[in-house]
């Protein structure tokens, strides 16, 4: 009998996991932040004068949001899609893996 590793429920008895630490919904940003703190896209002190003078454009986003859609396969949980939007909600990256 195959068992979901996250919730220990038999695969045949469920359409997917609804328990476990990876299944959650937070309505308040501070609660989401307590699960995983926000990360900087770059540290401004790391952008050296040499990079700017070499004509390399700074392509770092001020704000970015990343979402990974996961699926269950016979081999275990796998990533299916990665999506990134910028601070205005414009799609920057969207790839089916």
Protein backbone atom coordinates (compact mmCIF):
# COMPACT_ATOMS: atom_id res chain seq x y z
CA UNK A 1 0.00 0.00 0.00
CA UNK A 2 1.36 3.43 -0.99
CA UNK A 3 1.24 6.11 1.74
CA UNK A 4 1.63 9.88 1.44
CA UNK A 5 4.88 10.69 3.28
CA UNK A 6 3.54 14.03 4.55
CA UNK A 7 0.30 12.93 6.23
CA UNK A 8 0.60 9.12 6.29
CA UNK A 9 -2.75 8.69 4.53
CA UNK A 10 -3.15 5.87 1.99
CA UNK A 11 -2.81 7.19 -1.56
CA UNK A 12 -5.88 5.21 -2.71
CA UNK A 13 -8.08 6.88 -0.08
CA UNK A 14 -7.28 10.50 -0.87
CA UNK A 15 -6.91 12.81 -3.85
CA UNK A 16 -3.98 14.57 -2.25
CA UNK A 17 -2.68 15.85 1.00
CA UNK A 18 -4.65 18.38 3.00
CA UNK A 19 -2.47 18.12 6.12
CA UNK A 20 1.14 18.72 6.92
CA UNK A 21 3.41 21.74 7.20
CA UNK A 22 3.42 22.37 3.43
CA UNK A 23 -0.36 22.86 3.23
CA UNK A 24 -1.30 26.23 4.72
CA UNK A 25 -2.99 29.53 4.01
CA UNK A 26 -2.05 32.76 5.72
CA UNK A 27 -4.20 35.86 5.31
CA UNK A 28 -1.90 38.24 7.18
CA UNK A 29 1.57 39.11 5.79
CA UNK A 30 3.12 39.01 9.28
CA UNK A 31 1.94 35.39 9.75
CA UNK A 32 3.39 34.40 6.39
CA UNK A 33 6.62 36.23 7.28
CA UNK A 34 6.86 34.23 10.52
CA UNK A 35 6.80 30.98 8.47
CA UNK A 36 9.53 32.20 6.11
CA UNK A 37 11.04 35.63 6.33
CA UNK A 38 11.28 37.79 3.26
CA UNK A 39 14.56 37.65 1.35
CA UNK A 40 16.33 40.51 -0.39
CA UNK A 41 16.76 40.13 -4.16
CA UNK A 42 20.21 41.66 -3.79
CA UNK A 43 22.20 43.55 -1.22
CA UNK A 44 22.79 47.08 -2.44
CA UNK A 45 26.25 47.08 -0.85
CA UNK A 46 27.21 44.16 -3.12
CA UNK A 47 26.64 46.23 -6.29
CA UNK A 48 30.12 47.59 -6.79
CA UNK A 49 31.21 50.62 -8.78
CA UNK A 50 33.05 48.22 -11.11
CA UNK A 51 29.77 46.56 -12.13
CA UNK A 52 28.11 49.91 -12.80
CA UNK A 53 31.06 51.32 -14.75
CA UNK A 54 31.37 48.18 -16.88
CA UNK A 55 27.99 48.98 -18.42
CA UNK A 56 26.26 45.95 -16.90
CA UNK A 57 22.61 46.87 -16.37
CA UNK A 58 21.23 46.22 -12.90
CA UNK A 59 18.39 43.75 -13.58
CA UNK A 60 17.58 42.96 -9.95
CA UNK A 61 13.92 43.50 -9.05
CA UNK A 62 13.05 45.69 -6.07
CA UNK A 63 10.22 43.30 -5.18
CA UNK A 64 9.56 39.79 -6.48
CA UNK A 65 7.12 37.07 -5.55
CA UNK A 66 7.89 33.44 -6.33
CA UNK A 67 5.44 30.53 -6.41
CA UNK A 68 6.26 26.89 -7.07
CA UNK A 69 3.49 24.48 -7.90
CA UNK A 70 4.21 20.96 -6.71
CA UNK A 71 2.70 17.67 -7.85
CA UNK A 72 2.83 14.10 -6.61
CA UNK A 73 4.37 11.56 -8.97
CA UNK A 74 5.20 7.90 -8.62
CA UNK A 75 8.72 9.04 -7.74
CA UNK A 76 7.63 11.48 -4.96
CA UNK A 77 6.69 15.14 -4.87
CA UNK A 78 8.09 17.12 -7.81
CA UNK A 79 8.05 20.73 -8.95
CA UNK A 80 5.68 21.34 -11.88
CA UNK A 81 5.77 25.11 -12.43
CA UNK A 82 7.75 28.13 -11.26
CA UNK A 83 6.19 31.60 -11.51
CA UNK A 84 7.68 34.99 -10.59
CA UNK A 85 5.98 38.39 -10.65
CA UNK A 86 7.42 41.81 -9.88
CA UNK A 87 6.08 44.40 -7.44
CA UNK A 88 3.40 45.59 -9.88
CA UNK A 89 2.18 42.04 -10.54
CA UNK A 90 3.77 41.80 -13.99
CA UNK A 91 4.85 38.29 -14.92
CA UNK A 92 8.63 38.04 -15.05
CA UNK A 93 9.03 34.26 -15.30
CA UNK A 94 6.56 31.41 -15.76
CA UNK A 95 7.91 27.99 -16.65
CA UNK A 96 6.39 24.53 -16.62
CA UNK A 97 9.13 22.17 -15.50
